[in-house]
PDB file of all heavy atoms in Angstrom:
ATOM      1  N   ILE A   1     108.311  97.262  99.101  1.00  0.00           N
ATOM      2  CA  ILE A   1     107.277  97.369 100.132  1.00  0.00           C
ATOM      3  C   ILE A   1     107.899  97.839 101.445  1.00  0.00           C
ATOM      4  O   ILE A   1     109.088  97.587 101.705  1.00  0.00           O
ATOM      5  CB  ILE A   1     106.532  96.028 100.321  1.00  0.00           C
ATOM      6  CG1 ILE A   1     107.483  94.923 100.792  1.00  0.00           C
ATOM      7  CG2 ILE A   1     105.835  95.626  99.029  1.00  0.00           C
ATOM      8  CD1 ILE A   1     106.767  93.600 101.080  1.00  0.00           C
ATOM      9  N   PRO A   2     107.119  98.513 102.299  1.00  0.00           N
ATOM     10  CA  PRO A   2     107.684  99.118 103.510  1.00  0.00           C
ATOM     11  C   PRO A   2     107.778  98.192 104.721  1.00  0.00           C
ATOM     12  O   PRO A   2     108.388  98.569 105.730  1.00  0.00           O
ATOM     13  CB  PRO A   2     106.709 100.270 103.790  1.00  0.00           C
ATOM     14  CG  PRO A   2     105.399  99.782 103.269  1.00  0.00           C
ATOM     15  CD  PRO A   2     105.736  98.943 102.059  1.00  0.00           C
ATOM     16  N   GLN A   3     107.192  96.993 104.668  1.00  0.00           N
ATOM     17  CA  GLN A   3     107.210  96.110 105.837  1.00  0.00           C
ATOM     18  C   GLN A   3     108.642  95.691 106.188  1.00  0.00           C
ATOM     19  O   GLN A   3     109.487  95.505 105.307  1.00  0.00           O
ATOM     20  CB  GLN A   3     106.371  94.848 105.586  1.00  0.00           C
ATOM     21  CG  GLN A   3     104.865  95.074 105.667  1.00  0.00           C
ATOM     22  CD  GLN A   3     104.263  95.591 104.382  1.00  0.00           C
ATOM     23  OE1 GLN A   3     104.978  95.963 103.445  1.00  0.00           O
ATOM     24  NE2 GLN A   3     102.938  95.622 104.305  1.00  0.00           N
ATOM     25  N   ARG A   4     108.872  95.512 107.471  1.00  0.00           N
ATOM     26  CA  ARG A   4     110.175  95.090 107.975  1.00  0.00           C
ATOM     27  C   ARG A   4     110.005  93.968 109.003  1.00  0.00           C
ATOM     28  O   ARG A   4     108.896  93.739 109.505  1.00  0.00           O
ATOM     29  CB  ARG A   4     110.905  96.287 108.625  1.00  0.00           C
ATOM     30  CG  ARG A   4     111.225  97.430 107.644  1.00  0.00           C
ATOM     31  CD  ARG A   4     112.237  96.971 106.585  1.00  0.00           C
ATOM     32  NE  ARG A   4     112.608  98.069 105.684  1.00  0.00           N
ATOM     33  CZ  ARG A   4     112.035  98.316 104.519  1.00  0.00           C
ATOM     34  NH1 ARG A   4     111.018  97.558 104.108  1.00  0.00           N
ATOM     35  NH2 ARG A   4     112.453  99.300 103.752  1.00  0.00           N
ATOM     36  N   GLU A   5     111.109  93.263 109.315  1.00  0.00           N
ATOM     37  CA  GLU A   5     111.050  92.200 110.295  1.00  0.00           C
ATOM     38  C   GLU A   5     110.594  92.775 111.649  1.00  0.00           C
ATOM     39  O   GLU A   5     110.931  93.910 111.979  1.00  0.00           O
ATOM     40  CB  GLU A   5     112.432  91.537 110.454  1.00  0.00           C
ATOM     41  CG  GLU A   5     112.908  90.743 109.255  1.00  0.00           C
ATOM     42  CD  GLU A   5     113.585  91.605 108.188  1.00  0.00           C
ATOM     43  OE1 GLU A   5     113.620  92.859 108.348  1.00  0.00           O
ATOM     44  OE2 GLU A   5     114.087  91.048 107.214  1.00  0.00           O
ATOM     45  N   PRO A   6     109.804  92.001 112.402  1.00  0.00           N
ATOM     46  CA  PRO A   6     109.428  90.618 112.118  1.00  0.00           C
ATOM     47  C   PRO A   6     108.154  90.473 111.287  1.00  0.00           C
ATOM     48  O   PRO A   6     107.599  89.386 111.200  1.00  0.00           O
ATOM     49  CB  PRO A   6     109.217  90.046 113.523  1.00  0.00           C
ATOM     50  CG  PRO A   6     108.660  91.214 114.292  1.00  0.00           C
ATOM     51  CD  PRO A   6     109.355  92.428 113.744  1.00  0.00           C
ATOM     52  N   PHE A   7     107.694  91.598 110.695  1.00  0.00           N
ATOM     53  CA  PHE A   7     106.421  91.537 109.984  1.00  0.00           C
ATOM     54  C   PHE A   7     106.583  91.492 108.466  1.00  0.00           C
ATOM     55  O   PHE A   7     105.600  91.630 107.739  1.00  0.00           O
ATOM     56  CB  PHE A   7     105.530  92.716 110.392  1.00  0.00           C
ATOM     57  CG  PHE A   7     104.074  92.350 110.451  1.00  0.00           C
ATOM     58  CD1 PHE A   7     103.598  91.470 111.414  1.00  0.00           C
ATOM     59  CD2 PHE A   7     103.174  92.860 109.534  1.00  0.00           C
ATOM     60  CE1 PHE A   7     102.251  91.118 111.468  1.00  0.00           C
ATOM     61  CE2 PHE A   7     101.830  92.524 109.574  1.00  0.00           C
ATOM     62  CZ  PHE A   7     101.370  91.651 110.542  1.00  0.00           C
ATOM     63  N   LEU A   8     107.791  91.305 107.992  1.00  0.00           N
ATOM     64  CA  LEU A   8     107.996  91.070 106.561  1.00  0.00           C
ATOM     65  C   LEU A   8     107.696  89.601 106.301  1.00  0.00           C
ATOM     66  O   LEU A   8     108.437  88.712 106.733  1.00  0.00           O
ATOM     67  CB  LEU A   8     109.424  91.407 106.159  1.00  0.00           C
ATOM     68  CG  LEU A   8     109.794  91.224 104.678  1.00  0.00           C
ATOM     69  CD1 LEU A   8     108.897  92.068 103.778  1.00  0.00           C
ATOM     70  CD2 LEU A   8     111.261  91.564 104.450  1.00  0.00           C
ATOM     71  N   MET A   9     106.612  89.332 105.610  1.00  0.00           N
ATOM     72  CA  MET A   9     106.074  87.973 105.516  1.00  0.00           C
ATOM     73  C   MET A   9     106.396  87.252 104.215  1.00  0.00           C
ATOM     74  O   MET A   9     105.875  86.158 103.979  1.00  0.00           O
ATOM     75  CB  MET A   9     104.551  88.003 105.717  1.00  0.00           C
ATOM     76  CG  MET A   9     104.101  88.627 107.031  1.00  0.00           C
ATOM     77  SD  MET A   9     104.720  87.739 108.485  1.00  0.00           S
ATOM     78  CE  MET A   9     103.861  86.178 108.314  1.00  0.00           C
ATOM     79  N   ILE A  10     107.213  87.819 103.368  1.00  0.00           N
ATOM     80  CA  ILE A  10     107.628  87.105 102.156  1.00  0.00           C
ATOM     81  C   ILE A  10     109.153  87.048 102.100  1.00  0.00           C
ATOM     82  O   ILE A  10     109.841  87.986 102.486  1.00  0.00           O
ATOM     83  CB  ILE A  10     107.051  87.750 100.876  1.00  0.00           C
ATOM     84  CG1 ILE A  10     107.400  89.231 100.781  1.00  0.00           C
ATOM     85  CG2 ILE A  10     105.542  87.569 100.816  1.00  0.00           C
ATOM     86  CD1 ILE A  10     106.885  89.895  99.515  1.00  0.00           C
ATOM     87  N   ASP A  11     109.655  85.915 101.631  1.00  0.00           N
ATOM     88  CA  ASP A  11     111.101  85.680 101.587  1.00  0.00           C
ATOM     89  C   ASP A  11     111.676  85.749 100.178  1.00  0.00           C
ATOM     90  O   ASP A  11     112.870  85.997 100.008  1.00  0.00           O
ATOM     91  CB  ASP A  11     111.421  84.301 102.177  1.00  0.00           C
ATOM     92  CG  ASP A  11     111.029  84.201 103.640  1.00  0.00           C
ATOM     93  OD1 ASP A  11     111.439  85.084 104.417  1.00  0.00           O
ATOM     94  OD2 ASP A  11     110.300  83.257 104.007  1.00  0.00           O
ATOM     95  N   GLU A  12     110.833  85.516  99.192  1.00  0.00           N
ATOM     96  CA  GLU A  12     111.321  85.474  97.806  1.00  0.00           C
ATOM     97  C   GLU A  12     110.204  85.889  96.868  1.00  0.00           C
ATOM     98  O   GLU A  12     109.034  85.552  97.088  1.00  0.00           O
ATOM     99  CB  GLU A  12     111.792  84.058  97.459  1.00  0.00           C
ATOM    100  CG  GLU A  12     112.260  83.875  96.024  1.00  0.00           C
ATOM    101  CD  GLU A  12     112.573  82.424  95.685  1.00  0.00           C
ATOM    102  OE1 GLU A  12     112.702  81.607  96.603  1.00  0.00           O
ATOM    103  OE2 GLU A  12     112.680  82.123  94.483  1.00  0.00           O
ATOM    104  N   VAL A  13     110.565  86.618  95.829  1.00  0.00           N
ATOM    105  CA  VAL A  13     109.617  86.962  94.765  1.00  0.00           C
ATOM    106  C   VAL A  13     110.068  86.245  93.498  1.00  0.00           C
ATOM    107  O   VAL A  13     111.176  86.460  93.018  1.00  0.00           O
ATOM    108  CB  VAL A  13     109.553  88.486  94.528  1.00  0.00           C
ATOM    109  CG1 VAL A  13     108.648  88.803  93.343  1.00  0.00           C
ATOM    110  CG2 VAL A  13     109.054  89.196  95.781  1.00  0.00           C
ATOM    111  N   GLU A  14     109.208  85.379  92.997  1.00  0.00           N
ATOM    112  CA  GLU A  14     109.557  84.623  91.785  1.00  0.00           C
ATOM    113  C   GLU A  14     109.434  85.502  90.542  1.00  0.00           C
ATOM    114  O   GLU A  14     110.302  85.517  89.689  1.00  0.00           O
ATOM    115  CB  GLU A  14     108.652  83.402  91.649  1.00  0.00           C
ATOM    116  CG  GLU A  14     108.977  82.532  90.448  1.00  0.00           C
ATOM    117  CD  GLU A  14     108.092  81.307  90.381  1.00  0.00           C
ATOM    118  OE1 GLU A  14     108.414  80.305  91.051  1.00  0.00           O
ATOM    119  OE2 GLU A  14     107.073  81.358  89.668  1.00  0.00           O
ATOM    120  N   GLU A  15     108.323  86.225  90.462  1.00  0.00           N
ATOM    121  CA  GLU A  15     108.122  87.131  89.330  1.00  0.00           C
ATOM    122  C   GLU A  15     106.987  88.100  89.649  1.00  0.00           C
ATOM    123  O   GLU A  15     106.159  87.834  90.514  1.00  0.00           O
ATOM    124  CB  GLU A  15     107.797  86.370  88.044  1.00  0.00           C
ATOM    125  CG  GLU A  15     106.486  85.621  88.070  1.00  0.00           C
ATOM    126  CD  GLU A  15     106.167  84.921  86.769  1.00  0.00           C
ATOM    127  OE1 GLU A  15     107.071  84.296  86.202  1.00  0.00           O
ATOM    128  OE2 GLU A  15     105.008  85.008  86.320  1.00  0.00           O
ATOM    129  N   TYR A  16     106.996  89.219  88.955  1.00  0.00           N
ATOM    130  CA  TYR A  16     105.878  90.146  89.092  1.00  0.00           C
ATOM    131  C   TYR A  16     105.784  91.014  87.846  1.00  0.00           C
ATOM    132  O   TYR A  16     106.766  91.241  87.137  1.00  0.00           O
ATOM    133  CB  TYR A  16     106.021  91.018  90.338  1.00  0.00           C
ATOM    134  CG  TYR A  16     107.150  92.021  90.306  1.00  0.00           C
ATOM    135  CD1 TYR A  16     106.942  93.326  89.859  1.00  0.00           C
ATOM    136  CD2 TYR A  16     108.422  91.678  90.742  1.00  0.00           C
ATOM    137  CE1 TYR A  16     107.972  94.253  89.842  1.00  0.00           C
ATOM    138  CE2 TYR A  16     109.458  92.595  90.734  1.00  0.00           C
ATOM    139  CZ  TYR A  16     109.234  93.884  90.288  1.00  0.00           C
ATOM    140  OH  TYR A  16     110.252  94.796  90.264  1.00  0.00           O
ATOM    141  N   ILE A  17     104.576  91.478  87.581  1.00  0.00           N
ATOM    142  CA  ILE A  17     104.315  92.437  86.517  1.00  0.00           C
ATOM    143  C   ILE A  17     103.685  93.653  87.182  1.00  0.00           C
ATOM    144  O   ILE A  17     102.598  93.549  87.752  1.00  0.00           O
ATOM    145  CB  ILE A  17     103.369  91.876  85.444  1.00  0.00           C
ATOM    146  CG1 ILE A  17     103.947  90.595  84.836  1.00  0.00           C
ATOM    147  CG2 ILE A  17     103.134  92.913  84.351  1.00  0.00           C
ATOM    148  CD1 ILE A  17     103.026  89.923  83.834  1.00  0.00           C
ATOM    149  N   PRO A  18     104.360  94.801  87.180  1.00  0.00           N
ATOM    150  CA  PRO A  18     103.834  95.984  87.862  1.00  0.00           C
ATOM    151  C   PRO A  18     102.389  96.290  87.468  1.00  0.00           C
ATOM    152  O   PRO A  18     102.051  96.367  86.289  1.00  0.00           O
ATOM    153  CB  PRO A  18     104.790  97.094  87.407  1.00  0.00           C
ATOM    154  CG  PRO A  18     106.082  96.382  87.153  1.00  0.00           C
ATOM    155  CD  PRO A  18     105.673  95.064  86.553  1.00  0.00           C
ATOM    156  N   GLY A  19     101.552  96.410  88.492  1.00  0.00           N
ATOM    157  CA  GLY A  19     100.151  96.744  88.265  1.00  0.00           C
ATOM    158  C   GLY A  19      99.273  95.583  87.868  1.00  0.00           C
ATOM    159  O   GLY A  19      98.064  95.741  87.722  1.00  0.00           O
ATOM    160  N   GLU A  20      99.862  94.379  87.732  1.00  0.00           N
ATOM    161  CA  GLU A  20      99.072  93.251  87.248  1.00  0.00           C
ATOM    162  C   GLU A  20      99.116  92.022  88.149  1.00  0.00           C
ATOM    163  O   GLU A  20      98.069  91.467  88.490  1.00  0.00           O
ATOM    164  CB  GLU A  20      99.521  92.851  85.835  1.00  0.00           C
ATOM    165  CG  GLU A  20      99.227  93.900  84.781  1.00  0.00           C
ATOM    166  CD  GLU A  20      99.492  93.388  83.382  1.00  0.00           C
ATOM    167  OE1 GLU A  20      99.476  92.162  83.174  1.00  0.00           O
ATOM    168  OE2 GLU A  20      99.729  94.217  82.493  1.00  0.00           O
ATOM    169  N   SER A  21     100.299  91.560  88.534  1.00  0.00           N
ATOM    170  CA  SER A  21     100.361  90.309  89.286  1.00  0.00           C
ATOM    171  C   SER A  21     101.703  90.150  89.982  1.00  0.00           C
ATOM    172  O   SER A  21     102.677  90.848  89.669  1.00  0.00           O
ATOM    173  CB  SER A  21     100.127  89.113  88.354  1.00  0.00           C
ATOM    174  OG  SER A  21     101.163  89.037  87.382  1.00  0.00           O
ATOM    175  N   ALA A  22     101.738  89.179  90.908  1.00  0.00           N
ATOM    176  CA  ALA A  22     102.986  88.842  91.592  1.00  0.00           C
ATOM    177  C   ALA A  22     102.908  87.407  92.093  1.00  0.00           C
ATOM    178  O   ALA A  22     101.832  86.910  92.448  1.00  0.00           O
ATOM    179  CB  ALA A  22     103.252  89.798  92.752  1.00  0.00           C
ATOM    180  N   VAL A  23     104.062  86.755  92.103  1.00  0.00           N
ATOM    181  CA  VAL A  23     104.197  85.409  92.668  1.00  0.00           C
ATOM    182  C   VAL A  23     105.360  85.444  93.649  1.00  0.00           C
ATOM    183  O   VAL A  23     106.484  85.790  93.273  1.00  0.00           O
ATOM    184  CB  VAL A  23     104.462  84.344  91.578  1.00  0.00           C
ATOM    185  CG1 VAL A  23     104.605  82.962  92.216  1.00  0.00           C
ATOM    186  CG2 VAL A  23     103.345  84.336  90.545  1.00  0.00           C
ATOM    187  N   ALA A  24     105.072  85.116  94.913  1.00  0.00           N
ATOM    188  CA  ALA A  24     106.100  85.178  95.949  1.00  0.00           C
ATOM    189  C   ALA A  24     106.020  83.930  96.825  1.00  0.00           C
ATOM    190  O   ALA A  24     105.097  83.120  96.706  1.00  0.00           O
ATOM    191  CB  ALA A  24     105.918  86.439  96.794  1.00  0.00           C
ATOM    192  N   TYR A  25     107.013  83.799  97.727  1.00  0.00           N
ATOM    193  CA  TYR A  25     107.069  82.633  98.613  1.00  0.00           C
ATOM    194  C   TYR A  25     107.377  83.056 100.041  1.00  0.00           C
ATOM    195  O   TYR A  25     108.121  84.015 100.278  1.00  0.00           O
ATOM    196  CB  TYR A  25     108.143  81.650  98.151  1.00  0.00           C
ATOM    197  CG  TYR A  25     107.845  80.985  96.827  1.00  0.00           C
ATOM    198  CD1 TYR A  25     108.335  81.516  95.641  1.00  0.00           C
ATOM    199  CD2 TYR A  25     107.061  79.837  96.759  1.00  0.00           C
ATOM    200  CE1 TYR A  25     108.060  80.921  94.421  1.00  0.00           C
ATOM    201  CE2 TYR A  25     106.783  79.237  95.548  1.00  0.00           C
ATOM    202  CZ  TYR A  25     107.282  79.775  94.384  1.00  0.00           C
ATOM    203  OH  TYR A  25     107.009  79.186  93.178  1.00  0.00           O
ATOM    204  N   LYS A  26     106.791  82.313 100.974  1.00  0.00           N
ATOM    205  CA  LYS A  26     107.116  82.414 102.377  1.00  0.00           C
ATOM    206  C   LYS A  26     107.607  81.044 102.834  1.00  0.00           C
ATOM    207  O   LYS A  26     106.892  80.053 102.707  1.00  0.00           O
ATOM    208  CB  LYS A  26     105.884  82.829 103.183  1.00  0.00           C
ATOM    209  CG  LYS A  26     106.018  82.659 104.691  1.00  0.00           C
ATOM    210  CD  LYS A  26     107.043  83.601 105.279  1.00  0.00           C
ATOM    211  CE  LYS A  26     107.144  83.429 106.794  1.00  0.00           C
ATOM    212  NZ  LYS A  26     108.258  84.215 107.363  1.00  0.00           N
ATOM    213  N   TYR A  27     108.847  80.982 103.325  1.00  0.00           N
ATOM    214  CA  TYR A  27     109.405  79.723 103.830  1.00  0.00           C
ATOM    215  C   TYR A  27     109.097  79.646 105.318  1.00  0.00           C
ATOM    216  O   TYR A  27     109.711  80.350 106.131  1.00  0.00           O
ATOM    217  CB  TYR A  27     110.903  79.669 103.564  1.00  0.00           C
ATOM    218  CG  TYR A  27     111.240  79.688 102.092  1.00  0.00           C
ATOM    219  CD1 TYR A  27     111.682  80.862 101.469  1.00  0.00           C
ATOM    220  CD2 TYR A  27     111.097  78.549 101.320  1.00  0.00           C
ATOM    221  CE1 TYR A  27     111.973  80.883 100.118  1.00  0.00           C
ATOM    222  CE2 TYR A  27     111.389  78.561  99.958  1.00  0.00           C
ATOM    223  CZ  TYR A  27     111.824  79.734  99.369  1.00  0.00           C
ATOM    224  OH  TYR A  27     112.109  79.755  98.029  1.00  0.00           O
ATOM    225  N   VAL A  28     108.141  78.811 105.665  1.00  0.00           N
ATOM    226  CA  VAL A  28     107.663  78.738 107.042  1.00  0.00           C
ATOM    227  C   VAL A  28     108.588  77.827 107.843  1.00  0.00           C
ATOM    228  O   VAL A  28     108.736  76.639 107.525  1.00  0.00           O
ATOM    229  CB  VAL A  28     106.215  78.201 107.087  1.00  0.00           C
ATOM    230  CG1 VAL A  28     105.688  78.210 108.517  1.00  0.00           C
ATOM    231  CG2 VAL A  28     105.312  79.030 106.178  1.00  0.00           C
ATOM    232  N   ASN A  29     109.223  78.377 108.879  1.00  0.00           N
ATOM    233  CA  ASN A  29     110.118  77.566 109.709  1.00  0.00           C
ATOM    234  C   ASN A  29     109.668  77.600 111.163  1.00  0.00           C
ATOM    235  O   ASN A  29     108.887  78.471 111.583  1.00  0.00           O
ATOM    236  CB  ASN A  29     111.569  78.038 109.577  1.00  0.00           C
ATOM    237  CG  ASN A  29     111.775  79.428 110.123  1.00  0.00           C
ATOM    238  OD1 ASN A  29     111.838  79.621 111.335  1.00  0.00           O
ATOM    239  ND2 ASN A  29     111.880  80.423 109.230  1.00  0.00           N
ATOM    240  N   GLU A  30     110.181  76.681 111.945  1.00  0.00           N
ATOM    241  CA  GLU A  30     109.708  76.520 113.323  1.00  0.00           C
ATOM    242  C   GLU A  30     110.143  77.661 114.234  1.00  0.00           C
ATOM    243  O   GLU A  30     109.634  77.791 115.360  1.00  0.00           O
ATOM    244  CB  GLU A  30     110.217  75.196 113.897  1.00  0.00           C
ATOM    245  CG  GLU A  30     111.733  75.067 113.910  1.00  0.00           C
ATOM    246  CD  GLU A  30     112.196  73.709 114.384  1.00  0.00           C
ATOM    247  OE1 GLU A  30     111.344  72.820 114.539  1.00  0.00           O
ATOM    248  OE2 GLU A  30     113.400  73.554 114.606  1.00  0.00           O
ATOM    249  N   GLU A  31     111.040  78.521 113.764  1.00  0.00           N
ATOM    250  CA  GLU A  31     111.501  79.647 114.580  1.00  0.00           C
ATOM    251  C   GLU A  31     110.638  80.898 114.415  1.00  0.00           C
ATOM    252  O   GLU A  31     110.937  81.936 115.014  1.00  0.00           O
ATOM    253  CB  GLU A  31     112.960  79.990 114.221  1.00  0.00           C
ATOM    254  CG  GLU A  31     113.940  78.845 114.433  1.00  0.00           C
ATOM    255  CD  GLU A  31     113.974  78.365 115.879  1.00  0.00           C
ATOM    256  OE1 GLU A  31     113.888  79.216 116.790  1.00  0.00           O
ATOM    257  OE2 GLU A  31     114.072  77.148 116.096  1.00  0.00           O
TER     258      GLU A  31
END
């Protein structure tokens, strides 16, 4: 994906199937 900091909003991708689905994570911190 083309997004970059500070607007890259996902930190980890657990799994994905191209064209079908994705599971990702955002670790929300106080900074």
